[in-house]
Amino acid sequence: MLQYRIALILAISIGILLISIIFDRILAPLPLVVHFLIFVPVVVLIVDEARQYTKENADMYKLRATDVDGAFFFAAPLAALAASSLFAKMRSLLGA
């Protein structure tokens, strides 16, 4: 169903963006290496768990596993975009 796919895509995009923003703000006071070593694995695990849960319950909304995977396709770039303090630390380290 198209309306469920659209709702799923919007929910995943907004949810991952918000999780990344909040988690990045919480970790912002930490040094770059610690921030990176905590932020990346935790966000990846959260996104993967959300994807697995959604795939397990996809048939409830007449969605296929490929629909779920497609909805999560942009989750990683959105999480990266929201990690502004992490990338600011990286830029300053590289002198850019």
Protein backbone atom coordinates (compact mmCIF):
# COMPACT_ATOMS: atom_id res chain seq x y z
CA MET A 1 0.00 0.00 0.00
CA LEU A 2 1.45 3.28 -1.12
CA GLN A 3 0.20 5.31 1.84
CA TYR A 4 1.92 2.93 4.27
CA ARG A 5 5.17 3.12 2.32
CA ILE A 6 5.06 6.92 2.34
CA ALA A 7 4.25 6.98 6.07
CA LEU A 8 7.08 4.54 6.76
CA ILE A 9 9.60 6.58 4.77
CA LEU A 10 8.61 9.80 6.56
CA ALA A 11 8.61 8.17 10.00
CA ILE A 12 12.00 6.54 9.49
CA SER A 13 13.56 9.71 8.06
CA ILE A 14 12.26 11.97 10.82
CA GLY A 15 12.98 9.43 13.56
CA ILE A 16 16.57 8.76 12.52
CA LEU A 17 17.24 12.47 12.05
CA LEU A 18 15.93 13.26 15.55
CA ILE A 19 17.80 10.36 17.17
CA SER A 20 21.03 11.49 15.54
CA ILE A 21 20.56 15.14 16.50
CA ILE A 22 19.78 14.30 20.12
CA PHE A 23 22.59 11.78 20.48
CA ASP A 24 25.08 14.14 18.81
CA ARG A 25 24.13 16.93 21.23
CA ILE A 26 24.52 14.61 24.21
CA LEU A 27 27.99 13.53 23.10
CA ALA A 28 29.14 16.99 21.94
CA PRO A 29 31.21 17.77 25.09
CA LEU A 30 33.31 14.62 24.64
CA PRO A 31 36.61 14.54 22.74
CA LEU A 32 36.43 13.64 19.05
CA VAL A 33 37.67 10.06 19.33
CA VAL A 34 35.30 9.20 22.18
CA HIS A 35 32.41 10.97 20.44
CA PHE A 36 33.06 9.03 17.24
CA LEU A 37 33.61 5.67 18.95
CA ILE A 38 30.33 5.96 20.83
CA PHE A 39 28.16 7.77 18.28
CA VAL A 40 28.75 5.64 15.20
CA PRO A 41 28.19 2.16 16.68
CA VAL A 42 25.21 3.22 18.78
CA VAL A 43 23.44 4.97 15.90
CA VAL A 44 24.14 2.04 13.56
CA LEU A 45 22.76 -0.40 16.15
CA ILE A 46 19.65 1.72 16.69
CA VAL A 47 19.00 1.98 12.96
CA ASP A 48 19.58 -1.74 12.42
CA GLU A 49 17.31 -2.74 15.32
CA ALA A 50 14.60 -0.42 14.02
CA ARG A 51 14.96 -1.96 10.56
CA GLN A 52 14.79 -5.51 11.91
CA TYR A 53 11.71 -4.70 14.00
CA THR A 54 10.02 -3.00 11.07
CA LYS A 55 10.79 -5.93 8.75
CA GLU A 56 9.33 -8.38 11.25
CA ASN A 57 6.09 -6.37 11.41
CA ALA A 58 5.91 -5.27 7.77
CA ASP A 59 3.24 -7.76 6.79
CA MET A 60 0.85 -6.11 9.26
CA TYR A 61 0.72 -3.14 6.86
CA LYS A 62 1.03 -5.20 3.67
CA LEU A 63 4.61 -4.06 3.14
CA ARG A 64 7.43 -6.20 1.79
CA ALA A 65 10.93 -6.48 3.19
CA THR A 66 12.18 -4.53 0.18
CA ASP A 67 9.80 -1.69 1.06
CA VAL A 68 11.30 -1.55 4.54
CA ASP A 69 14.86 -1.69 3.22
CA GLY A 70 14.03 1.11 0.79
CA ALA A 71 12.68 3.26 3.61
CA PHE A 72 15.94 2.82 5.52
CA PHE A 73 18.07 3.55 2.46
CA PHE A 74 18.56 7.21 3.40
CA ALA A 75 18.80 6.64 7.16
CA ALA A 76 22.62 6.62 7.24
CA PRO A 77 23.04 9.87 5.28
CA LEU A 78 20.41 11.56 7.45
CA ALA A 79 22.16 10.38 10.60
CA ALA A 80 25.42 11.76 9.26
CA LEU A 81 23.84 15.10 8.34
CA ALA A 82 22.48 15.48 11.85
CA ALA A 83 25.87 14.83 13.48
CA SER A 84 26.93 18.43 13.13
CA SER A 85 29.14 18.68 16.22
CA LEU A 86 30.95 15.44 15.33
CA PHE A 87 31.70 16.68 11.82
CA ALA A 88 32.69 20.11 13.13
CA LYS A 89 35.28 18.43 15.36
CA MET A 90 36.54 16.42 12.38
CA ARG A 91 36.80 19.54 10.23
CA SER A 92 38.78 21.37 12.90
CA LEU A 93 41.10 18.39 13.31
CA LEU A 94 41.75 18.30 9.58
CA GLY A 95 42.23 22.07 9.48
CA ALA A 96 39.46 22.61 6.94
